[in-house]
């Protein structure tokens, strides 16, 4: 989990410093990977909560990067995914 959290923070910092254009697709790929883990793996309740927090955080970053790139509808989709994961 620490590596996923560190990767998410690195993407957030890249977005804040340089915008999301260059790293948006990498964030989306990471989001897909972590979402797949959350939906298909077996884990404890504590690990499951952490995975869904990671999905929510990655979806937030992907949503804002995508919004900033002008793909507002797709950005909204990622932000809603993040809300669902957080729930």
PDB file of N, CA and C in Angstrom:
ATOM      1  N   UNK A   1       0.804  -1.190   0.000  1.00  0.00           N
ATOM      2  CA  UNK A   1       0.000   0.000   0.000  1.00  0.00           C
ATOM      3  C   UNK A   1       0.859   1.271   0.000  1.00  0.00           C
ATOM      4  N   UNK A   2       1.975   1.197   0.674  1.00  0.00           N
ATOM      5  CA  UNK A   2       2.845   2.389   0.751  1.00  0.00           C
ATOM      6  C   UNK A   2       3.316   2.823  -0.641  1.00  0.00           C
ATOM      7  N   UNK A   3       3.600   1.853  -1.509  1.00  0.00           N
ATOM      8  CA  UNK A   3       4.065   2.199  -2.857  1.00  0.00           C
ATOM      9  C   UNK A   3       2.943   2.831  -3.676  1.00  0.00           C
ATOM     10  N   UNK A   4       1.731   2.327  -3.514  1.00  0.00           N
ATOM     11  CA  UNK A   4       0.595   2.922  -4.228  1.00  0.00           C
ATOM     12  C   UNK A   4       0.376   4.346  -3.744  1.00  0.00           C
ATOM     13  N   UNK A   5       0.425   4.539  -2.432  1.00  0.00           N
ATOM     14  CA  UNK A   5       0.250   5.882  -1.870  1.00  0.00           C
ATOM     15  C   UNK A   5       1.349   6.827  -2.338  1.00  0.00           C
ATOM     16  N   UNK A   6       2.588   6.355  -2.357  1.00  0.00           N
ATOM     17  CA  UNK A   6       3.709   7.194  -2.798  1.00  0.00           C
ATOM     18  C   UNK A   6       3.579   7.551  -4.277  1.00  0.00           C
ATOM     19  N   UNK A   7       3.144   6.594  -5.087  1.00  0.00           N
ATOM     20  CA  UNK A   7       2.954   6.843  -6.518  1.00  0.00           C
ATOM     21  C   UNK A   7       1.860   7.872  -6.735  1.00  0.00           C
ATOM     22  N   UNK A   8       0.768   7.735  -6.001  1.00  0.00           N
ATOM     23  CA  UNK A   8      -0.336   8.686  -6.112  1.00  0.00           C
ATOM     24  C   UNK A   8       0.130  10.079  -5.734  1.00  0.00           C
ATOM     25  N   UNK A   9       0.883  10.190  -4.657  1.00  0.00           N
ATOM     26  CA  UNK A   9       1.387  11.499  -4.231  1.00  0.00           C
ATOM     27  C   UNK A   9       2.337  12.086  -5.272  1.00  0.00           C
ATOM     28  N   UNK A  10       3.167  11.248  -5.874  1.00  0.00           N
ATOM     29  CA  UNK A  10       4.076  11.729  -6.923  1.00  0.00           C
ATOM     30  C   UNK A  10       3.286  12.267  -8.116  1.00  0.00           C
ATOM     31  N   UNK A  11       2.229  11.565  -8.509  1.00  0.00           N
ATOM     32  CA  UNK A  11       1.389  12.051  -9.609  1.00  0.00           C
ATOM     33  C   UNK A  11       0.711  13.368  -9.241  1.00  0.00           C
ATOM     34  N   UNK A  12       0.242  13.479  -8.002  1.00  0.00           N
ATOM     35  CA  UNK A  12      -0.400  14.718  -7.561  1.00  0.00           C
ATOM     36  C   UNK A  12       0.595  15.890  -7.612  1.00  0.00           C
ATOM     37  N   UNK A  13       1.822  15.634  -7.184  1.00  0.00           N
ATOM     38  CA  UNK A  13       2.846  16.669  -7.212  1.00  0.00           C
ATOM     39  C   UNK A  13       3.195  17.062  -8.651  1.00  0.00           C
ATOM     40  N   UNK A  14       3.288  16.081  -9.544  1.00  0.00           N
ATOM     41  CA  UNK A  14       3.536  16.382 -10.961  1.00  0.00           C
ATOM     42  C   UNK A  14       2.418  17.235 -11.540  1.00  0.00           C
ATOM     43  N   UNK A  15       1.185  16.897 -11.205  1.00  0.00           N
ATOM     44  CA  UNK A  15       0.043  17.662 -11.690  1.00  0.00           C
ATOM     45  C   UNK A  15       0.103  19.091 -11.177  1.00  0.00           C
ATOM     46  N   UNK A  16       0.386  19.247  -9.890  1.00  0.00           N
ATOM     47  CA  UNK A  16       0.445  20.591  -9.307  1.00  0.00           C
ATOM     48  C   UNK A  16       1.576  21.421  -9.896  1.00  0.00           C
ATOM     49  N   UNK A  17       2.701  20.784 -10.177  1.00  0.00           N
ATOM     50  CA  UNK A  17       3.874  21.516 -10.674  1.00  0.00           C
ATOM     51  C   UNK A  17       3.833  21.768 -12.180  1.00  0.00           C
ATOM     52  N   UNK A  18       3.312  20.799 -12.944  1.00  0.00           N
ATOM     53  CA  UNK A  18       3.448  20.873 -14.398  1.00  0.00           C
ATOM     54  C   UNK A  18       2.145  20.669 -15.162  1.00  0.00           C
ATOM     55  N   UNK A  19       1.069  20.435 -14.461  1.00  0.00           N
ATOM     56  CA  UNK A  19      -0.182  20.087 -15.135  1.00  0.00           C
ATOM     57  C   UNK A  19      -0.192  18.599 -15.429  1.00  0.00           C
ATOM     58  N   UNK A  20      -1.350  18.104 -15.815  1.00  0.00           N
ATOM     59  CA  UNK A  20      -1.504  16.673 -15.962  1.00  0.00           C
ATOM     60  C   UNK A  20      -1.274  16.123 -17.344  1.00  0.00           C
ATOM     61  N   UNK A  21      -0.959  16.980 -18.302  1.00  0.00           N
ATOM     62  CA  UNK A  21      -0.869  16.526 -19.682  1.00  0.00           C
ATOM     63  C   UNK A  21       0.094  15.383 -19.910  1.00  0.00           C
ATOM     64  N   UNK A  22       1.265  15.448 -19.313  1.00  0.00           N
ATOM     65  CA  UNK A  22       2.280  14.432 -19.566  1.00  0.00           C
ATOM     66  C   UNK A  22       2.073  13.146 -18.772  1.00  0.00           C
ATOM     67  N   UNK A  23       1.428  13.242 -17.632  1.00  0.00           N
ATOM     68  CA  UNK A  23       1.328  12.059 -16.775  1.00  0.00           C
ATOM     69  C   UNK A  23      -0.091  11.512 -16.642  1.00  0.00           C
ATOM     70  N   UNK A  24      -1.052  12.121 -17.314  1.00  0.00           N
ATOM     71  CA  UNK A  24      -2.448  11.709 -17.167  1.00  0.00           C
ATOM     72  C   UNK A  24      -2.654  10.247 -17.526  1.00  0.00           C
ATOM     73  N   UNK A  25      -2.103   9.802 -18.638  1.00  0.00           N
ATOM     74  CA  UNK A  25      -2.300   8.406 -19.053  1.00  0.00           C
ATOM     75  C   UNK A  25      -1.648   7.428 -18.077  1.00  0.00           C
ATOM     76  N   UNK A  26      -0.545   7.823 -17.473  1.00  0.00           N
ATOM     77  CA  UNK A  26       0.092   6.969 -16.472  1.00  0.00           C
ATOM     78  C   UNK A  26      -0.785   6.845 -15.225  1.00  0.00           C
ATOM     79  N   UNK A  27      -1.416   7.944 -14.827  1.00  0.00           N
ATOM     80  CA  UNK A  27      -2.326   7.905 -13.672  1.00  0.00           C
ATOM     81  C   UNK A  27      -3.522   7.011 -13.978  1.00  0.00           C
ATOM     82  N   UNK A  28      -4.073   7.146 -15.170  1.00  0.00           N
ATOM     83  CA  UNK A  28      -5.218   6.318 -15.559  1.00  0.00           C
ATOM     84  C   UNK A  28      -4.822   4.840 -15.555  1.00  0.00           C
ATOM     85  N   UNK A  29      -3.643   4.513 -16.048  1.00  0.00           N
ATOM     86  CA  UNK A  29      -3.171   3.133 -16.013  1.00  0.00           C
ATOM     87  C   UNK A  29      -3.019   2.621 -14.590  1.00  0.00           C
ATOM     88  N   UNK A  30      -2.469   3.437 -13.718  1.00  0.00           N
ATOM     89  CA  UNK A  30      -2.322   3.052 -12.309  1.00  0.00           C
ATOM     90  C   UNK A  30      -3.704   2.878 -11.671  1.00  0.00           C
ATOM     91  N   UNK A  31      -4.628   3.765 -11.996  1.00  0.00           N
ATOM     92  CA  UNK A  31      -5.993   3.669 -11.482  1.00  0.00           C
ATOM     93  C   UNK A  31      -6.642   2.358 -11.928  1.00  0.00           C
ATOM     94  N   UNK A  32      -6.481   2.006 -13.180  1.00  0.00           N
ATOM     95  CA  UNK A  32      -7.048   0.749 -13.677  1.00  0.00           C
ATOM     96  C   UNK A  32      -6.456  -0.450 -12.938  1.00  0.00           C
ATOM     97  N   UNK A  33      -5.162  -0.419 -12.717  1.00  0.00           N
ATOM     98  CA  UNK A  33      -4.484  -1.524 -12.027  1.00  0.00           C
ATOM     99  C   UNK A  33      -4.983  -1.668 -10.585  1.00  0.00           C
ATOM    100  N   UNK A  34      -5.031  -0.568  -9.859  1.00  0.00           N
ATOM    101  CA  UNK A  34      -5.444  -0.631  -8.455  1.00  0.00           C
ATOM    102  C   UNK A  34      -6.931  -0.983  -8.347  1.00  0.00           C
ATOM    103  N   UNK A  35      -7.749  -0.481  -9.269  1.00  0.00           N
ATOM    104  CA  UNK A  35      -9.170  -0.845  -9.284  1.00  0.00           C
ATOM    105  C   UNK A  35      -9.327  -2.338  -9.519  1.00  0.00           C
ATOM    106  N   UNK A  36      -8.553  -2.887 -10.442  1.00  0.00           N
ATOM    107  CA  UNK A  36      -8.591  -4.327 -10.700  1.00  0.00           C
ATOM    108  C   UNK A  36      -8.217  -5.101  -9.436  1.00  0.00           C
ATOM    109  N   UNK A  37      -7.171  -4.672  -8.751  1.00  0.00           N
ATOM    110  CA  UNK A  37      -6.786  -5.335  -7.496  1.00  0.00           C
ATOM    111  C   UNK A  37      -7.925  -5.298  -6.481  1.00  0.00           C
ATOM    112  N   UNK A  38      -8.553  -4.128  -6.350  1.00  0.00           N
ATOM    113  CA  UNK A  38      -9.618  -3.970  -5.359  1.00  0.00           C
ATOM    114  C   UNK A  38     -10.824  -4.848  -5.677  1.00  0.00           C
ATOM    115  N   UNK A  39     -11.096  -5.033  -6.950  1.00  0.00           N
ATOM    116  CA  UNK A  39     -12.295  -5.775  -7.346  1.00  0.00           C
ATOM    117  C   UNK A  39     -12.084  -7.276  -7.460  1.00  0.00           C
ATOM    118  N   UNK A  40     -10.846  -7.730  -7.616  1.00  0.00           N
ATOM    119  CA  UNK A  40     -10.623  -9.153  -7.890  1.00  0.00           C
ATOM    120  C   UNK A  40      -9.773  -9.875  -6.849  1.00  0.00           C
ATOM    121  N   UNK A  41      -9.157  -9.175  -5.951  1.00  0.00           N
ATOM    122  CA  UNK A  41      -8.260  -9.812  -4.980  1.00  0.00           C
ATOM    123  C   UNK A  41      -8.995 -10.213  -3.711  1.00  0.00           C
ATOM    124  N   UNK A  42      -8.359 -11.063  -2.957  1.00  0.00           N
ATOM    125  CA  UNK A  42      -8.835 -11.427  -1.626  1.00  0.00           C
ATOM    126  C   UNK A  42      -7.954 -10.696  -0.619  1.00  0.00           C
ATOM    127  N   UNK A  43      -8.582 -10.070   0.369  1.00  0.00           N
ATOM    128  CA  UNK A  43      -7.826  -9.269   1.328  1.00  0.00           C
ATOM    129  C   UNK A  43      -8.641  -9.108   2.605  1.00  0.00           C
ATOM    130  N   UNK A  44      -7.966  -8.650   3.643  1.00  0.00           N
ATOM    131  CA  UNK A  44      -8.641  -8.366   4.908  1.00  0.00           C
ATOM    132  C   UNK A  44      -9.488  -7.104   4.757  1.00  0.00           C
ATOM    133  N   UNK A  45     -10.362  -6.889   5.718  1.00  0.00           N
ATOM    134  CA  UNK A  45     -11.194  -5.681   5.683  1.00  0.00           C
ATOM    135  C   UNK A  45     -10.323  -4.421   5.723  1.00  0.00           C
ATOM    136  N   UNK A  46      -9.298  -4.434   6.519  1.00  0.00           N
ATOM    137  CA  UNK A  46      -8.404  -3.274   6.635  1.00  0.00           C
ATOM    138  C   UNK A  46      -7.693  -2.992   5.307  1.00  0.00           C
ATOM    139  N   UNK A  47      -7.176  -4.031   4.682  1.00  0.00           N
ATOM    140  CA  UNK A  47      -6.511  -3.868   3.390  1.00  0.00           C
ATOM    141  C   UNK A  47      -7.503  -3.424   2.331  1.00  0.00           C
ATOM    142  N   UNK A  48      -8.712  -3.967   2.368  1.00  0.00           N
ATOM    143  CA  UNK A  48      -9.745  -3.562   1.416  1.00  0.00           C
ATOM    144  C   UNK A  48     -10.063  -2.086   1.529  1.00  0.00           C
ATOM    145  N   UNK A  49     -10.190  -1.601   2.739  1.00  0.00           N
ATOM    146  CA  UNK A  49     -10.440  -0.165   2.931  1.00  0.00           C
ATOM    147  C   UNK A  49      -9.296   0.664   2.355  1.00  0.00           C
ATOM    148  N   UNK A  50      -8.082   0.227   2.621  1.00  0.00           N
ATOM    149  CA  UNK A  50      -6.925   0.954   2.101  1.00  0.00           C
ATOM    150  C   UNK A  50      -6.895   0.939   0.571  1.00  0.00           C
ATOM    151  N   UNK A  51      -7.253  -0.198  -0.032  1.00  0.00           N
ATOM    152  CA  UNK A  51      -7.291  -0.269  -1.497  1.00  0.00           C
ATOM    153  C   UNK A  51      -8.329   0.682  -2.073  1.00  0.00           C
ATOM    154  N   UNK A  52      -9.506   0.738  -1.468  1.00  0.00           N
ATOM    155  CA  UNK A  52     -10.536   1.622  -1.989  1.00  0.00           C
ATOM    156  C   UNK A  52     -10.207   3.097  -1.736  1.00  0.00           C
ATOM    157  N   UNK A  53      -9.487   3.389  -0.662  1.00  0.00           N
ATOM    158  CA  UNK A  53      -8.973   4.751  -0.471  1.00  0.00           C
ATOM    159  C   UNK A  53      -7.986   5.081  -1.586  1.00  0.00           C
ATOM    160  N   UNK A  54      -7.131   4.120  -1.921  1.00  0.00           N
ATOM    161  CA  UNK A  54      -6.166   4.335  -3.005  1.00  0.00           C
ATOM    162  C   UNK A  54      -6.881   4.563  -4.329  1.00  0.00           C
ATOM    163  N   UNK A  55      -7.932   3.802  -4.600  1.00  0.00           N
ATOM    164  CA  UNK A  55      -8.720   4.015  -5.821  1.00  0.00           C
ATOM    165  C   UNK A  55      -9.309   5.420  -5.815  1.00  0.00           C
ATOM    166  N   UNK A  56      -9.874   5.822  -4.683  1.00  0.00           N
ATOM    167  CA  UNK A  56     -10.474   7.153  -4.589  1.00  0.00           C
ATOM    168  C   UNK A  56      -9.448   8.253  -4.839  1.00  0.00           C
ATOM    169  N   UNK A  57      -8.278   8.111  -4.249  1.00  0.00           N
ATOM    170  CA  UNK A  57      -7.231   9.125  -4.424  1.00  0.00           C
ATOM    171  C   UNK A  57      -6.738   9.184  -5.872  1.00  0.00           C
ATOM    172  N   UNK A  58      -6.478   8.017  -6.452  1.00  0.00           N
ATOM    173  CA  UNK A  58      -6.026   7.984  -7.849  1.00  0.00           C
ATOM    174  C   UNK A  58      -7.098   8.532  -8.783  1.00  0.00           C
ATOM    175  N   UNK A  59      -8.353   8.195  -8.523  1.00  0.00           N
ATOM    176  CA  UNK A  59      -9.448   8.695  -9.359  1.00  0.00           C
ATOM    177  C   UNK A  59      -9.549  10.211  -9.263  1.00  0.00           C
ATOM    178  N   UNK A  60      -9.309  10.752  -8.088  1.00  0.00           N
ATOM    179  CA  UNK A  60      -9.322  12.203  -7.921  1.00  0.00           C
ATOM    180  C   UNK A  60      -8.237  12.862  -8.772  1.00  0.00           C
ATOM    181  N   UNK A  61      -7.037  12.324  -8.688  1.00  0.00           N
ATOM    182  CA  UNK A  61      -5.932  12.872  -9.483  1.00  0.00           C
ATOM    183  C   UNK A  61      -6.234  12.728 -10.971  1.00  0.00           C
ATOM    184  N   UNK A  62      -6.689  11.546 -11.386  1.00  0.00           N
ATOM    185  CA  UNK A  62      -7.020  11.327 -12.795  1.00  0.00           C
ATOM    186  C   UNK A  62      -8.140  12.252 -13.245  1.00  0.00           C
ATOM    187  N   UNK A  63      -9.115  12.453 -12.382  1.00  0.00           N
ATOM    188  CA  UNK A  63     -10.231  13.333 -12.723  1.00  0.00           C
ATOM    189  C   UNK A  63      -9.802  14.763 -12.955  1.00  0.00           C
ATOM    190  N   UNK A  64      -8.987  15.296 -12.073  1.00  0.00           N
ATOM    191  CA  UNK A  64      -8.545  16.684 -12.238  1.00  0.00           C
ATOM    192  C   UNK A  64      -7.602  16.838 -13.423  1.00  0.00           C
ATOM    193  N   UNK A  65      -6.705  15.876 -13.605  1.00  0.00           N
ATOM    194  CA  UNK A  65      -5.813  15.941 -14.769  1.00  0.00           C
ATOM    195  C   UNK A  65      -6.616  15.901 -16.069  1.00  0.00           C
ATOM    196  N   UNK A  66      -7.602  15.036 -16.111  1.00  0.00           N
ATOM    197  CA  UNK A  66      -8.415  14.888 -17.316  1.00  0.00           C
ATOM    198  C   UNK A  66      -9.263  16.131 -17.540  1.00  0.00           C
ATOM    199  N   UNK A  67      -9.807  16.679 -16.492  1.00  0.00           N
ATOM    200  CA  UNK A  67     -10.572  17.929 -16.586  1.00  0.00           C
ATOM    201  C   UNK A  67      -9.692  19.046 -17.124  1.00  0.00           C
ATOM    202  N   UNK A  68      -8.489  19.164 -16.552  1.00  0.00           N
ATOM    203  CA  UNK A  68      -7.560  20.207 -16.983  1.00  0.00           C
ATOM    204  C   UNK A  68      -7.155  20.044 -18.448  1.00  0.00           C
ATOM    205  N   UNK A  69      -7.179  18.809 -18.940  1.00  0.00           N
ATOM    206  CA  UNK A  69      -6.835  18.541 -20.335  1.00  0.00           C
ATOM    207  C   UNK A  69      -8.007  18.852 -21.272  1.00  0.00           C
ATOM    208  N   UNK A  70      -9.142  19.254 -20.701  1.00  0.00           N
ATOM    209  CA  UNK A  70     -10.287  19.641 -21.511  1.00  0.00           C
ATOM    210  C   UNK A  70     -11.305  18.549 -21.756  1.00  0.00           C
ATOM    211  N   UNK A  71     -11.073  17.361 -21.221  1.00  0.00           N
ATOM    212  CA  UNK A  71     -12.018  16.254 -21.383  1.00  0.00           C
ATOM    213  C   UNK A  71     -12.921  16.217 -20.139  1.00  0.00           C
ATOM    214  N   UNK A  72     -13.813  17.183 -20.065  1.00  0.00           N
ATOM    215  CA  UNK A  72     -14.592  17.394 -18.850  1.00  0.00           C
ATOM    216  C   UNK A  72     -15.492  16.218 -18.498  1.00  0.00           C
ATOM    217  N   UNK A  73     -16.129  15.623 -19.471  1.00  0.00           N
ATOM    218  CA  UNK A  73     -17.022  14.497 -19.203  1.00  0.00           C
ATOM    219  C   UNK A  73     -16.251  13.299 -18.649  1.00  0.00           C
ATOM    220  N   UNK A  74     -15.119  13.007 -19.243  1.00  0.00           N
ATOM    221  CA  UNK A  74     -14.301  11.891 -18.765  1.00  0.00           C
ATOM    222  C   UNK A  74     -13.726  12.213 -17.393  1.00  0.00           C
ATOM    223  N   UNK A  75     -13.318  13.451 -17.186  1.00  0.00           N
ATOM    224  CA  UNK A  75     -12.830  13.866 -15.875  1.00  0.00           C
ATOM    225  C   UNK A  75     -13.891  13.696 -14.805  1.00  0.00           C
ATOM    226  N   UNK A  76     -15.127  14.045 -15.148  1.00  0.00           N
ATOM    227  CA  UNK A  76     -16.230  13.868 -14.212  1.00  0.00           C
ATOM    228  C   UNK A  76     -16.434  12.386 -13.896  1.00  0.00           C
ATOM    229  N   UNK A  77     -16.295  11.548 -14.900  1.00  0.00           N
ATOM    230  CA  UNK A  77     -16.414  10.092 -14.691  1.00  0.00           C
ATOM    231  C   UNK A  77     -15.398   9.610 -13.643  1.00  0.00           C
ATOM    232  N   UNK A  78     -14.147  10.060 -13.771  1.00  0.00           N
ATOM    233  CA  UNK A  78     -13.127   9.645 -12.803  1.00  0.00           C
ATOM    234  C   UNK A  78     -13.433  10.176 -11.407  1.00  0.00           C
ATOM    235  N   UNK A  79     -13.895  11.415 -11.323  1.00  0.00           N
ATOM    236  CA  UNK A  79     -14.222  11.979 -10.023  1.00  0.00           C
ATOM    237  C   UNK A  79     -15.382  11.228  -9.360  1.00  0.00           C
ATOM    238  N   UNK A  80     -16.378  10.837 -10.154  1.00  0.00           N
ATOM    239  CA  UNK A  80     -17.488  10.048  -9.619  1.00  0.00           C
ATOM    240  C   UNK A  80     -17.032   8.658  -9.186  1.00  0.00           C
ATOM    241  N   UNK A  81     -16.107   8.078  -9.934  1.00  0.00           N
ATOM    242  CA  UNK A  81     -15.525   6.793  -9.539  1.00  0.00           C
ATOM    243  C   UNK A  81     -14.854   6.936  -8.169  1.00  0.00           C
ATOM    244  N   UNK A  82     -14.144   8.033  -7.990  1.00  0.00           N
ATOM    245  CA  UNK A  82     -13.494   8.285  -6.707  1.00  0.00           C
ATOM    246  C   UNK A  82     -14.489   8.394  -5.567  1.00  0.00           C
ATOM    247  N   UNK A  83     -15.605   9.067  -5.818  1.00  0.00           N
ATOM    248  CA  UNK A  83     -16.646   9.175  -4.790  1.00  0.00           C
ATOM    249  C   UNK A  83     -17.224   7.805  -4.452  1.00  0.00           C
ATOM    250  N   UNK A  84     -17.464   6.988  -5.464  1.00  0.00           N
ATOM    251  CA  UNK A  84     -17.996   5.644  -5.236  1.00  0.00           C
ATOM    252  C   UNK A  84     -17.009   4.793  -4.434  1.00  0.00           C
ATOM    253  N   UNK A  85     -15.742   4.898  -4.769  1.00  0.00           N
ATOM    254  CA  UNK A  85     -14.723   4.122  -4.052  1.00  0.00           C
ATOM    255  C   UNK A  85     -14.631   4.564  -2.598  1.00  0.00           C
ATOM    256  N   UNK A  86     -14.738   5.869  -2.381  1.00  0.00           N
ATOM    257  CA  UNK A  86     -14.656   6.394  -1.018  1.00  0.00           C
ATOM    258  C   UNK A  86     -15.856   5.943  -0.173  1.00  0.00           C
ATOM    259  N   UNK A  87     -16.972   5.762  -0.834  1.00  0.00           N
ATOM    260  CA  UNK A  87     -18.190   5.329  -0.142  1.00  0.00           C
ATOM    261  C   UNK A  87     -18.028   3.909   0.357  1.00  0.00           C
TER     262      UNK A  87
END
